[in-house]
Amino acid sequence: VKKGSAPPKWMQRLGLNPARLDGLVSKFDVEGGKLIVIGKLTHSAG
């Protein structure tokens, strides 16, 4: 995803629309470290 632009069409079809992209960015701004640790330790979501 290019900085400041909407996700490509194929990502939007998978559910990553601009609003969800903003939510993803916010989530990683606030809880990025926790998400990475949980994702890596669960192995499946890594």
PDB file of all heavy atoms in Angstrom:
ATOM      1  N   VAL A   1       0.861  -1.187   0.000  1.00  0.00           N
ATOM      2  CA  VAL A   1       0.000   0.000   0.000  1.00  0.00           C
ATOM      3  C   VAL A   1       0.893   1.231   0.000  1.00  0.00           C
ATOM      4  O   VAL A   1       1.753   1.380   0.863  1.00  0.00           O
ATOM      5  CB  VAL A   1      -0.928   0.015   1.240  1.00  0.00           C
ATOM      6  CG1 VAL A   1      -1.790   1.262   1.247  1.00  0.00           C
ATOM      7  CG2 VAL A   1      -1.789  -1.227   1.291  1.00  0.00           C
ATOM      8  N   LYS A   2       0.693   2.077  -0.964  1.00  0.00           N
ATOM      9  CA  LYS A   2       1.468   3.315  -1.045  1.00  0.00           C
ATOM     10  C   LYS A   2       1.029   4.255   0.065  1.00  0.00           C
ATOM     11  O   LYS A   2      -0.154   4.322   0.413  1.00  0.00           O
ATOM     12  CB  LYS A   2       1.275   4.005  -2.399  1.00  0.00           C
ATOM     13  CG  LYS A   2       1.652   3.133  -3.581  1.00  0.00           C
ATOM     14  CD  LYS A   2       3.129   2.863  -3.616  1.00  0.00           C
ATOM     15  CE  LYS A   2       3.476   2.022  -4.805  1.00  0.00           C
ATOM     16  NZ  LYS A   2       4.322   0.911  -4.507  1.00  0.00           N
ATOM     17  N   LYS A   3       1.981   4.981   0.621  1.00  0.00           N
ATOM     18  CA  LYS A   3       1.690   5.891   1.727  1.00  0.00           C
ATOM     19  C   LYS A   3       0.634   6.922   1.319  1.00  0.00           C
ATOM     20  O   LYS A   3       0.750   7.564   0.289  1.00  0.00           O
ATOM     21  CB  LYS A   3       2.971   6.592   2.166  1.00  0.00           C
ATOM     22  CG  LYS A   3       2.799   7.407   3.417  1.00  0.00           C
ATOM     23  CD  LYS A   3       4.109   7.962   3.897  1.00  0.00           C
ATOM     24  CE  LYS A   3       3.863   8.726   5.194  1.00  0.00           C
ATOM     25  NZ  LYS A   3       5.098   9.185   5.773  1.00  0.00           N
ATOM     26  N   GLY A   4      -0.400   7.041   2.147  1.00  0.00           N
ATOM     27  CA  GLY A   4      -1.442   8.030   1.920  1.00  0.00           C
ATOM     28  C   GLY A   4      -2.471   7.661   0.859  1.00  0.00           C
ATOM     29  O   GLY A   4      -3.318   8.472   0.525  1.00  0.00           O
ATOM     30  N   SER A   5      -2.409   6.469   0.304  1.00  0.00           N
ATOM     31  CA  SER A   5      -3.373   6.085  -0.729  1.00  0.00           C
ATOM     32  C   SER A   5      -4.249   4.935  -0.233  1.00  0.00           C
ATOM     33  O   SER A   5      -3.959   4.298   0.777  1.00  0.00           O
ATOM     34  CB  SER A   5      -2.657   5.677  -2.021  1.00  0.00           C
ATOM     35  OG  SER A   5      -1.925   4.495  -1.820  1.00  0.00           O
ATOM     36  N   ALA A   6      -5.301   4.692  -0.966  1.00  0.00           N
ATOM     37  CA  ALA A   6      -6.212   3.599  -0.635  1.00  0.00           C
ATOM     38  C   ALA A   6      -5.557   2.268  -0.986  1.00  0.00           C
ATOM     39  O   ALA A   6      -4.692   2.203  -1.870  1.00  0.00           O
ATOM     40  CB  ALA A   6      -7.521   3.753  -1.413  1.00  0.00           C
ATOM     41  N   PRO A   7      -5.951   1.211  -0.307  1.00  0.00           N
ATOM     42  CA  PRO A   7      -5.399  -0.106  -0.641  1.00  0.00           C
ATOM     43  C   PRO A   7      -5.787  -0.508  -2.062  1.00  0.00           C
ATOM     44  O   PRO A   7      -6.809  -0.057  -2.592  1.00  0.00           O
ATOM     45  CB  PRO A   7      -6.051  -1.055   0.370  1.00  0.00           C
ATOM     46  CG  PRO A   7      -6.772  -0.217   1.348  1.00  0.00           C
ATOM     47  CD  PRO A   7      -6.898   1.152   0.788  1.00  0.00           C
ATOM     48  N   PRO A   8      -5.006  -1.371  -2.698  1.00  0.00           N
ATOM     49  CA  PRO A   8      -5.359  -1.842  -4.034  1.00  0.00           C
ATOM     50  C   PRO A   8      -6.712  -2.564  -4.013  1.00  0.00           C
ATOM     51  O   PRO A   8      -7.179  -3.018  -2.970  1.00  0.00           O
ATOM     52  CB  PRO A   8      -4.236  -2.816  -4.395  1.00  0.00           C
ATOM     53  CG  PRO A   8      -3.169  -2.630  -3.386  1.00  0.00           C
ATOM     54  CD  PRO A   8      -3.756  -1.943  -2.218  1.00  0.00           C
ATOM     55  N   LYS A   9      -7.322  -2.671  -5.188  1.00  0.00           N
ATOM     56  CA  LYS A   9      -8.654  -3.287  -5.299  1.00  0.00           C
ATOM     57  C   LYS A   9      -8.704  -4.692  -4.708  1.00  0.00           C
ATOM     58  O   LYS A   9      -9.652  -5.052  -4.043  1.00  0.00           O
ATOM     59  CB  LYS A   9      -9.098  -3.327  -6.769  1.00  0.00           C
ATOM     60  CG  LYS A   9      -9.288  -1.964  -7.381  1.00  0.00           C
ATOM     61  CD  LYS A   9     -10.627  -1.421  -7.013  1.00  0.00           C
ATOM     62  CE  LYS A   9     -10.851  -0.132  -7.790  1.00  0.00           C
ATOM     63  NZ  LYS A   9     -11.545   0.857  -7.030  1.00  0.00           N
ATOM     64  N   TRP A  10      -7.662  -5.502  -4.963  1.00  0.00           N
ATOM     65  CA  TRP A  10      -7.693  -6.878  -4.470  1.00  0.00           C
ATOM     66  C   TRP A  10      -7.696  -6.923  -2.949  1.00  0.00           C
ATOM     67  O   TRP A  10      -8.318  -7.791  -2.347  1.00  0.00           O
ATOM     68  CB  TRP A  10      -6.546  -7.721  -5.043  1.00  0.00           C
ATOM     69  CG  TRP A  10      -5.168  -7.320  -4.597  1.00  0.00           C
ATOM     70  CD1 TRP A  10      -4.348  -6.417  -5.195  1.00  0.00           C
ATOM     71  CD2 TRP A  10      -4.457  -7.817  -3.469  1.00  0.00           C
ATOM     72  NE1 TRP A  10      -3.159  -6.312  -4.504  1.00  0.00           N
ATOM     73  CE2 TRP A  10      -3.202  -7.174  -3.439  1.00  0.00           C
ATOM     74  CE3 TRP A  10      -4.753  -8.748  -2.477  1.00  0.00           C
ATOM     75  CZ2 TRP A  10      -2.258  -7.419  -2.455  1.00  0.00           C
ATOM     76  CZ3 TRP A  10      -3.801  -8.995  -1.502  1.00  0.00           C
ATOM     77  CH2 TRP A  10      -2.573  -8.336  -1.508  1.00  0.00           C
ATOM     78  N   MET A  11      -7.047  -5.955  -2.310  1.00  0.00           N
ATOM     79  CA  MET A  11      -7.068  -5.903  -0.848  1.00  0.00           C
ATOM     80  C   MET A  11      -8.434  -5.439  -0.343  1.00  0.00           C
ATOM     81  O   MET A  11      -8.913  -5.928   0.686  1.00  0.00           O
ATOM     82  CB  MET A  11      -5.977  -4.969  -0.326  1.00  0.00           C
ATOM     83  CG  MET A  11      -4.592  -5.515  -0.423  1.00  0.00           C
ATOM     84  SD  MET A  11      -3.428  -4.308   0.217  1.00  0.00           S
ATOM     85  CE  MET A  11      -2.528  -5.343   1.334  1.00  0.00           C
ATOM     86  N   GLN A  12      -9.042  -4.537  -1.084  1.00  0.00           N
ATOM     87  CA  GLN A  12     -10.363  -4.069  -0.688  1.00  0.00           C
ATOM     88  C   GLN A  12     -11.386  -5.199  -0.798  1.00  0.00           C
ATOM     89  O   GLN A  12     -12.286  -5.310   0.029  1.00  0.00           O
ATOM     90  CB  GLN A  12     -10.774  -2.857  -1.530  1.00  0.00           C
ATOM     91  CG  GLN A  12      -9.945  -1.621  -1.187  1.00  0.00           C
ATOM     92  CD  GLN A  12     -10.385  -0.385  -1.934  1.00  0.00           C
ATOM     93  OE1 GLN A  12     -11.555  -0.207  -2.207  1.00  0.00           O
ATOM     94  NE2 GLN A  12      -9.423   0.476  -2.255  1.00  0.00           N
ATOM     95  N   ARG A  13     -11.227  -6.057  -1.804  1.00  0.00           N
ATOM     96  CA  ARG A  13     -12.121  -7.219  -1.929  1.00  0.00           C
ATOM     97  C   ARG A  13     -11.964  -8.172  -0.757  1.00  0.00           C
ATOM     98  O   ARG A  13     -12.894  -8.887  -0.415  1.00  0.00           O
ATOM     99  CB  ARG A  13     -11.866  -7.948  -3.245  1.00  0.00           C
ATOM    100  CG  ARG A  13     -12.387  -7.212  -4.437  1.00  0.00           C
ATOM    101  CD  ARG A  13     -12.354  -8.074  -5.691  1.00  0.00           C
ATOM    102  NE  ARG A  13     -12.687  -7.264  -6.827  1.00  0.00           N
ATOM    103  CZ  ARG A  13     -11.890  -6.994  -7.842  1.00  0.00           C
ATOM    104  NH1 ARG A  13     -10.676  -7.518  -7.882  1.00  0.00           N
ATOM    105  NH2 ARG A  13     -12.262  -6.222  -8.822  1.00  0.00           N
ATOM    106  N   LEU A  14     -10.774  -8.203  -0.181  1.00  0.00           N
ATOM    107  CA  LEU A  14     -10.530  -9.053   0.984  1.00  0.00           C
ATOM    108  C   LEU A  14     -10.953  -8.379   2.288  1.00  0.00           C
ATOM    109  O   LEU A  14     -10.814  -8.960   3.360  1.00  0.00           O
ATOM    110  CB  LEU A  14      -9.052  -9.441   1.064  1.00  0.00           C
ATOM    111  CG  LEU A  14      -8.543 -10.348  -0.049  1.00  0.00           C
ATOM    112  CD1 LEU A  14      -7.038 -10.539   0.070  1.00  0.00           C
ATOM    113  CD2 LEU A  14      -9.255 -11.692  -0.015  1.00  0.00           C
ATOM    114  N   GLY A  15     -11.465  -7.156   2.198  1.00  0.00           N
ATOM    115  CA  GLY A  15     -11.985  -6.480   3.372  1.00  0.00           C
ATOM    116  C   GLY A  15     -11.139  -5.345   3.904  1.00  0.00           C
ATOM    117  O   GLY A  15     -11.507  -4.705   4.881  1.00  0.00           O
ATOM    118  N   LEU A  16      -9.998  -5.056   3.301  1.00  0.00           N
ATOM    119  CA  LEU A  16      -9.156  -3.963   3.780  1.00  0.00           C
ATOM    120  C   LEU A  16      -9.507  -2.692   3.011  1.00  0.00           C
ATOM    121  O   LEU A  16      -8.812  -2.281   2.097  1.00  0.00           O
ATOM    122  CB  LEU A  16      -7.667  -4.291   3.631  1.00  0.00           C
ATOM    123  CG  LEU A  16      -6.715  -3.278   4.267  1.00  0.00           C
ATOM    124  CD1 LEU A  16      -6.897  -3.239   5.778  1.00  0.00           C
ATOM    125  CD2 LEU A  16      -5.277  -3.611   3.931  1.00  0.00           C
ATOM    126  N   ASN A  17     -10.647  -2.098   3.370  1.00  0.00           N
ATOM    127  CA  ASN A  17     -11.070  -0.849   2.743  1.00  0.00           C
ATOM    128  C   ASN A  17     -10.337   0.319   3.419  1.00  0.00           C
ATOM    129  O   ASN A  17      -9.637   0.124   4.413  1.00  0.00           O
ATOM    130  CB  ASN A  17     -12.593  -0.700   2.827  1.00  0.00           C
ATOM    131  CG  ASN A  17     -13.092  -0.755   4.249  1.00  0.00           C
ATOM    132  OD1 ASN A  17     -12.449  -0.274   5.170  1.00  0.00           O
ATOM    133  ND2 ASN A  17     -14.258  -1.357   4.433  1.00  0.00           N
ATOM    134  N   PRO A  18     -10.470   1.540   2.899  1.00  0.00           N
ATOM    135  CA  PRO A  18      -9.737   2.666   3.491  1.00  0.00           C
ATOM    136  C   PRO A  18     -10.023   2.877   4.989  1.00  0.00           C
ATOM    137  O   PRO A  18      -9.120   3.195   5.749  1.00  0.00           O
ATOM    138  CB  PRO A  18     -10.204   3.867   2.661  1.00  0.00           C
ATOM    139  CG  PRO A  18     -10.500   3.281   1.315  1.00  0.00           C
ATOM    140  CD  PRO A  18     -11.110   1.926   1.628  1.00  0.00           C
ATOM    141  N   ALA A  19     -11.278   2.654   5.405  1.00  0.00           N
ATOM    142  CA  ALA A  19     -11.602   2.833   6.826  1.00  0.00           C
ATOM    143  C   ALA A  19     -10.876   1.792   7.679  1.00  0.00           C
ATOM    144  O   ALA A  19     -10.332   2.112   8.741  1.00  0.00           O
ATOM    145  CB  ALA A  19     -13.113   2.720   7.036  1.00  0.00           C
ATOM    146  N   ARG A  20     -10.859   0.565   7.207  1.00  0.00           N
ATOM    147  CA  ARG A  20     -10.152  -0.485   7.961  1.00  0.00           C
ATOM    148  C   ARG A  20      -8.643  -0.264   7.930  1.00  0.00           C
ATOM    149  O   ARG A  20      -7.951  -0.602   8.887  1.00  0.00           O
ATOM    150  CB  ARG A  20     -10.511  -1.857   7.420  1.00  0.00           C
ATOM    151  CG  ARG A  20     -11.899  -2.282   7.833  1.00  0.00           C
ATOM    152  CD  ARG A  20     -12.048  -3.775   7.806  1.00  0.00           C
ATOM    153  NE  ARG A  20     -13.368  -4.135   8.281  1.00  0.00           N
ATOM    154  CZ  ARG A  20     -14.254  -4.809   7.591  1.00  0.00           C
ATOM    155  NH1 ARG A  20     -13.953  -5.252   6.383  1.00  0.00           N
ATOM    156  NH2 ARG A  20     -15.428  -5.087   8.095  1.00  0.00           N
ATOM    157  N   LEU A  21      -8.140   0.276   6.827  1.00  0.00           N
ATOM    158  CA  LEU A  21      -6.721   0.593   6.755  1.00  0.00           C
ATOM    159  C   LEU A  21      -6.371   1.645   7.805  1.00  0.00           C
ATOM    160  O   LEU A  21      -5.359   1.512   8.504  1.00  0.00           O
ATOM    161  CB  LEU A  21      -6.338   1.087   5.355  1.00  0.00           C
ATOM    162  CG  LEU A  21      -4.878   1.479   5.169  1.00  0.00           C
ATOM    163  CD1 LEU A  21      -3.952   0.298   5.441  1.00  0.00           C
ATOM    164  CD2 LEU A  21      -4.652   2.010   3.762  1.00  0.00           C
ATOM    165  N   ASP A  22      -7.211   2.655   7.949  1.00  0.00           N
ATOM    166  CA  ASP A  22      -6.992   3.660   8.992  1.00  0.00           C
ATOM    167  C   ASP A  22      -7.020   3.020  10.375  1.00  0.00           C
ATOM    168  O   ASP A  22      -6.219   3.357  11.250  1.00  0.00           O
ATOM    169  CB  ASP A  22      -8.040   4.775   8.910  1.00  0.00           C
ATOM    170  CG  ASP A  22      -7.866   5.657   7.683  1.00  0.00           C
ATOM    171  OD1 ASP A  22      -6.754   5.653   7.101  1.00  0.00           O
ATOM    172  OD2 ASP A  22      -8.838   6.341   7.307  1.00  0.00           O
ATOM    173  N   GLY A  23      -7.954   2.085  10.580  1.00  0.00           N
ATOM    174  CA  GLY A  23      -8.030   1.374  11.852  1.00  0.00           C
ATOM    175  C   GLY A  23      -6.792   0.536  12.110  1.00  0.00           C
ATOM    176  O   GLY A  23      -6.286   0.462  13.234  1.00  0.00           O
ATOM    177  N   LEU A  24      -6.283  -0.091  11.044  1.00  0.00           N
ATOM    178  CA  LEU A  24      -5.057  -0.893  11.161  1.00  0.00           C
ATOM    179  C   LEU A  24      -3.878  -0.009  11.550  1.00  0.00           C
ATOM    180  O   LEU A  24      -3.105  -0.359  12.447  1.00  0.00           O
ATOM    181  CB  LEU A  24      -4.775  -1.607   9.829  1.00  0.00           C
ATOM    182  CG  LEU A  24      -3.519  -2.470   9.761  1.00  0.00           C
ATOM    183  CD1 LEU A  24      -3.692  -3.727  10.599  1.00  0.00           C
ATOM    184  CD2 LEU A  24      -3.219  -2.849   8.315  1.00  0.00           C
ATOM    185  N   VAL A  25      -3.776   1.132  10.903  1.00  0.00           N
ATOM    186  CA  VAL A  25      -2.692   2.067  11.216  1.00  0.00           C
ATOM    187  C   VAL A  25      -2.803   2.517  12.670  1.00  0.00           C
ATOM    188  O   VAL A  25      -1.812   2.513  13.414  1.00  0.00           O
ATOM    189  CB  VAL A  25      -2.699   3.275  10.247  1.00  0.00           C
ATOM    190  CG1 VAL A  25      -1.748   4.362  10.715  1.00  0.00           C
ATOM    191  CG2 VAL A  25      -2.360   2.813   8.837  1.00  0.00           C
ATOM    192  N   SER A  26      -4.005   2.862  13.102  1.00  0.00           N
ATOM    193  CA  SER A  26      -4.211   3.298  14.492  1.00  0.00           C
ATOM    194  C   SER A  26      -3.863   2.189  15.472  1.00  0.00           C
ATOM    195  O   SER A  26      -3.244   2.431  16.507  1.00  0.00           O
ATOM    196  CB  SER A  26      -5.663   3.720  14.719  1.00  0.00           C
ATOM    197  OG  SER A  26      -5.983   4.801  13.907  1.00  0.00           O
ATOM    198  N   LYS A  27      -4.275   0.965  15.141  1.00  0.00           N
ATOM    199  CA  LYS A  27      -4.004  -0.183  16.015  1.00  0.00           C
ATOM    200  C   LYS A  27      -2.498  -0.396  16.171  1.00  0.00           C
ATOM    201  O   LYS A  27      -2.015  -0.628  17.276  1.00  0.00           O
ATOM    202  CB  LYS A  27      -4.673  -1.428  15.424  1.00  0.00           C
ATOM    203  CG  LYS A  27      -4.777  -2.558  16.357  1.00  0.00           C
ATOM    204  CD  LYS A  27      -5.891  -2.310  17.354  1.00  0.00           C
ATOM    205  CE  LYS A  27      -6.251  -3.605  18.047  1.00  0.00           C
ATOM    206  NZ  LYS A  27      -7.053  -3.357  19.216  1.00  0.00           N
ATOM    207  N   PHE A  28      -1.763  -0.308  15.080  1.00  0.00           N
ATOM    208  CA  PHE A  28      -0.314  -0.493  15.159  1.00  0.00           C
ATOM    209  C   PHE A  28       0.374   0.689  15.823  1.00  0.00           C
ATOM    210  O   PHE A  28       1.420   0.523  16.442  1.00  0.00           O
ATOM    211  CB  PHE A  28       0.291  -0.784  13.782  1.00  0.00           C
ATOM    212  CG  PHE A  28       0.325  -2.245  13.469  1.00  0.00           C
ATOM    213  CD1 PHE A  28      -0.689  -2.818  12.715  1.00  0.00           C
ATOM    214  CD2 PHE A  28       1.334  -3.056  13.949  1.00  0.00           C
ATOM    215  CE1 PHE A  28      -0.679  -4.172  12.437  1.00  0.00           C
ATOM    216  CE2 PHE A  28       1.352  -4.414  13.680  1.00  0.00           C
ATOM    217  CZ  PHE A  28       0.342  -4.974  12.923  1.00  0.00           C
ATOM    218  N   ASP A  29      -0.206   1.908  15.717  1.00  0.00           N
ATOM    219  CA  ASP A  29       0.365   3.058  16.411  1.00  0.00           C
ATOM    220  C   ASP A  29       0.274   2.868  17.925  1.00  0.00           C
ATOM    221  O   ASP A  29       1.193   3.201  18.660  1.00  0.00           O
ATOM    222  CB  ASP A  29      -0.363   4.352  16.027  1.00  0.00           C
ATOM    223  CG  ASP A  29       0.043   4.856  14.652  1.00  0.00           C
ATOM    224  OD1 ASP A  29       1.079   4.386  14.125  1.00  0.00           O
ATOM    225  OD2 ASP A  29      -0.685   5.706  14.107  1.00  0.00           O
ATOM    226  N   VAL A  30      -0.852   2.309  18.379  1.00  0.00           N
ATOM    227  CA  VAL A  30      -1.098   2.167  19.812  1.00  0.00           C
ATOM    228  C   VAL A  30      -0.567   0.845  20.368  1.00  0.00           C
ATOM    229  O   VAL A  30       0.058   0.813  21.418  1.00  0.00           O
ATOM    230  CB  VAL A  30      -2.618   2.289  20.104  1.00  0.00           C
ATOM    231  CG1 VAL A  30      -2.915   2.035  21.568  1.00  0.00           C
ATOM    232  CG2 VAL A  30      -3.120   3.656  19.676  1.00  0.00           C
ATOM    233  N   GLU A  31      -0.830  -0.249  19.652  1.00  0.00           N
ATOM    234  CA  GLU A  31      -0.527  -1.581  20.185  1.00  0.00           C
ATOM    235  C   GLU A  31       0.368  -2.409  19.268  1.00  0.00           C
ATOM    236  O   GLU A  31       0.312  -3.635  19.304  1.00  0.00           O
ATOM    237  CB  GLU A  31      -1.825  -2.353  20.417  1.00  0.00           C
ATOM    238  CG  GLU A  31      -2.784  -1.697  21.373  1.00  0.00           C
ATOM    239  CD  GLU A  31      -4.031  -2.524  21.561  1.00  0.00           C
ATOM    240  OE1 GLU A  31      -3.914  -3.611  22.151  1.00  0.00           O
ATOM    241  OE2 GLU A  31      -5.101  -2.089  21.097  1.00  0.00           O
ATOM    242  N   GLY A  32       1.193  -1.771  18.471  1.00  0.00           N
ATOM    243  CA  GLY A  32       2.023  -2.489  17.507  1.00  0.00           C
ATOM    244  C   GLY A  32       2.917  -3.534  18.141  1.00  0.00           C
ATOM    245  O   GLY A  32       3.028  -4.663  17.655  1.00  0.00           O
ATOM    246  N   GLY A  33       3.557  -3.174  19.231  1.00  0.00           N
ATOM    247  CA  GLY A  33       4.450  -4.116  19.897  1.00  0.00           C
ATOM    248  C   GLY A  33       3.725  -5.345  20.394  1.00  0.00           C
ATOM    249  O   GLY A  33       4.178  -6.481  20.192  1.00  0.00           O
ATOM    250  N   LYS A  34       2.589  -5.131  21.022  1.00  0.00           N
ATOM    251  CA  LYS A  34       1.799  -6.251  21.538  1.00  0.00           C
ATOM    252  C   LYS A  34       1.314  -7.147  20.399  1.00  0.00           C
ATOM    253  O   LYS A  34       1.380  -8.374  20.493  1.00  0.00           O
ATOM    254  CB  LYS A  34       0.602  -5.724  22.338  1.00  0.00           C
ATOM    255  CG  LYS A  34      -0.243  -6.808  22.969  1.00  0.00           C
ATOM    256  CD  LYS A  34      -1.258  -6.226  23.925  1.00  0.00           C
ATOM    257  CE  LYS A  34      -2.527  -5.921  23.169  1.00  0.00           C
ATOM    258  NZ  LYS A  34      -3.632  -5.510  24.039  1.00  0.00           N
ATOM    259  N   LEU A  35       0.876  -6.539  19.310  1.00  0.00           N
ATOM    260  CA  LEU A  35       0.410  -7.318  18.162  1.00  0.00           C
ATOM    261  C   LEU A  35       1.531  -8.177  17.574  1.00  0.00           C
ATOM    262  O   LEU A  35       1.311  -9.338  17.225  1.00  0.00           O
ATOM    263  CB  LEU A  35      -0.151  -6.391  17.078  1.00  0.00           C
ATOM    264  CG  LEU A  35      -1.466  -5.699  17.399  1.00  0.00           C
ATOM    265  CD1 LEU A  35      -1.776  -4.641  16.341  1.00  0.00           C
ATOM    266  CD2 LEU A  35      -2.590  -6.696  17.496  1.00  0.00           C
ATOM    267  N   ILE A  36       2.716  -7.614  17.469  1.00  0.00           N
ATOM    268  CA  ILE A  36       3.840  -8.364  16.911  1.00  0.00           C
ATOM    269  C   ILE A  36       4.211  -9.534  17.817  1.00  0.00           C
ATOM    270  O   ILE A  36       4.390 -10.663  17.351  1.00  0.00           O
ATOM    271  CB  ILE A  36       5.053  -7.450  16.652  1.00  0.00           C
ATOM    272  CG1 ILE A  36       4.731  -6.535  15.472  1.00  0.00           C
ATOM    273  CG2 ILE A  36       6.314  -8.262  16.372  1.00  0.00           C
ATOM    274  CD1 ILE A  36       5.725  -5.444  15.248  1.00  0.00           C
ATOM    275  N   VAL A  37       4.289  -9.281  19.116  1.00  0.00           N
ATOM    276  CA  VAL A  37       4.649 -10.353  20.051  1.00  0.00           C
ATOM    277  C   VAL A  37       3.612 -11.468  20.005  1.00  0.00           C
ATOM    278  O   VAL A  37       3.961 -12.650  19.880  1.00  0.00           O
ATOM    279  CB  VAL A  37       4.822  -9.796  21.481  1.00  0.00           C
ATOM    280  CG1 VAL A  37       4.952 -10.926  22.495  1.00  0.00           C
ATOM    281  CG2 VAL A  37       6.046  -8.881  21.551  1.00  0.00           C
ATOM    282  N   ILE A  38       2.337 -11.126  20.056  1.00  0.00           N
ATOM    283  CA  ILE A  38       1.286 -12.150  20.017  1.00  0.00           C
ATOM    284  C   ILE A  38       1.305 -12.881  18.682  1.00  0.00           C
ATOM    285  O   ILE A  38       1.231 -14.110  18.638  1.00  0.00           O
ATOM    286  CB  ILE A  38      -0.101 -11.513  20.284  1.00  0.00           C
ATOM    287  CG1 ILE A  38      -0.193 -11.063  21.731  1.00  0.00           C
ATOM    288  CG2 ILE A  38      -1.225 -12.495  19.948  1.00  0.00           C
ATOM    289  CD1 ILE A  38      -1.401 -10.210  22.049  1.00  0.00           C
ATOM    290  N   GLY A  39       1.428 -12.147  17.585  1.00  0.00           N
ATOM    291  CA  GLY A  39       1.449 -12.774  16.265  1.00  0.00           C
ATOM    292  C   GLY A  39       2.616 -13.721  16.092  1.00  0.00           C
ATOM    293  O   GLY A  39       2.469 -14.818  15.564  1.00  0.00           O
ATOM    294  N   LYS A  40       3.781 -13.316  16.559  1.00  0.00           N
ATOM    295  CA  LYS A  40       4.964 -14.171  16.414  1.00  0.00           C
ATOM    296  C   LYS A  40       4.883 -15.392  17.321  1.00  0.00           C
ATOM    297  O   LYS A  40       5.280 -16.475  16.926  1.00  0.00           O
ATOM    298  CB  LYS A  40       6.239 -13.390  16.723  1.00  0.00           C
ATOM    299  CG  LYS A  40       6.494 -12.279  15.775  1.00  0.00           C
ATOM    300  CD  LYS A  40       7.692 -12.349  14.927  1.00  0.00           C
ATOM    301  CE  LYS A  40       8.849 -13.114  15.402  1.00  0.00           C
ATOM    302  NZ  LYS A  40       9.423 -13.936  14.343  1.00  0.00           N
ATOM    303  N   LEU A  41       4.391 -15.208  18.518  1.00  0.00           N
ATOM    304  CA  LEU A  41       4.346 -16.339  19.449  1.00  0.00           C
ATOM    305  C   LEU A  41       3.229 -17.326  19.117  1.00  0.00           C
ATOM    306  O   LEU A  41       3.330 -18.497  19.473  1.00  0.00           O
ATOM    307  CB  LEU A  41       4.240 -15.851  20.896  1.00  0.00           C
ATOM    308  CG  LEU A  41       5.465 -15.089  21.412  1.00  0.00           C
ATOM    309  CD1 LEU A  41       5.270 -14.637  22.847  1.00  0.00           C
ATOM    310  CD2 LEU A  41       6.743 -15.907  21.280  1.00  0.00           C
ATOM    311  N   THR A  42       2.175 -16.872  18.438  1.00  0.00           N
ATOM    312  CA  THR A  42       1.135 -17.820  18.028  1.00  0.00           C
ATOM    313  C   THR A  42       1.544 -18.577  16.783  1.00  0.00           C
ATOM    314  O   THR A  42       0.926 -19.565  16.440  1.00  0.00           O
ATOM    315  CB  THR A  42      -0.204 -17.119  17.745  1.00  0.00           C
ATOM    316  OG1 THR A  42      -0.016 -16.159  16.718  1.00  0.00           O
ATOM    317  CG2 THR A  42      -0.785 -16.483  18.980  1.00  0.00           C
ATOM    318  N   HIS A  43       2.562 -18.122  16.120  1.00  0.00           N
ATOM    319  CA  HIS A  43       3.131 -18.764  14.935  1.00  0.00           C
ATOM    320  C   HIS A  43       2.201 -18.702  13.719  1.00  0.00           C
ATOM    321  O   HIS A  43       2.633 -18.409  12.636  1.00  0.00           O
ATOM    322  CB  HIS A  43       3.545 -20.208  15.236  1.00  0.00           C
ATOM    323  CG  HIS A  43       4.296 -20.853  14.127  1.00  0.00           C
ATOM    324  ND1 HIS A  43       5.519 -20.374  13.690  1.00  0.00           N
ATOM    325  CD2 HIS A  43       4.015 -21.900  13.346  1.00  0.00           C
ATOM    326  CE1 HIS A  43       5.935 -21.122  12.700  1.00  0.00           C
ATOM    327  NE2 HIS A  43       5.051 -22.053  12.462  1.00  0.00           N
ATOM    328  N   SER A  44       0.916 -18.982  13.887  1.00  0.00           N
ATOM    329  CA  SER A  44      -0.017 -19.005  12.760  1.00  0.00           C
ATOM    330  C   SER A  44      -0.303 -17.610  12.223  1.00  0.00           C
ATOM    331  O   SER A  44      -0.465 -17.433  11.028  1.00  0.00           O
ATOM    332  CB  SER A  44      -1.341 -19.652  13.174  1.00  0.00           C
ATOM    333  OG  SER A  44      -1.117 -20.959  13.573  1.00  0.00           O
ATOM    334  N   ALA A  45      -0.393 -16.646  13.117  1.00  0.00           N
ATOM    335  CA  ALA A  45      -0.752 -15.291  12.705  1.00  0.00           C
ATOM    336  C   ALA A  45       0.465 -14.448  12.366  1.00  0.00           C
ATOM    337  O   ALA A  45       0.332 -13.298  11.967  1.00  0.00           O
ATOM    338  CB  ALA A  45      -1.547 -14.610  13.813  1.00  0.00           C
ATOM    339  N   GLY A  46       1.641 -15.015  12.497  1.00  0.00           N
ATOM    340  CA  GLY A  46       2.865 -14.247  12.325  1.00  0.00           C
ATOM    341  C   GLY A  46       2.962 -13.502  11.020  1.00  0.00           C
ATOM    342  O   GLY A  46       3.230 -12.302  10.997  1.00  0.00           O
TER     343      GLY A  46
END
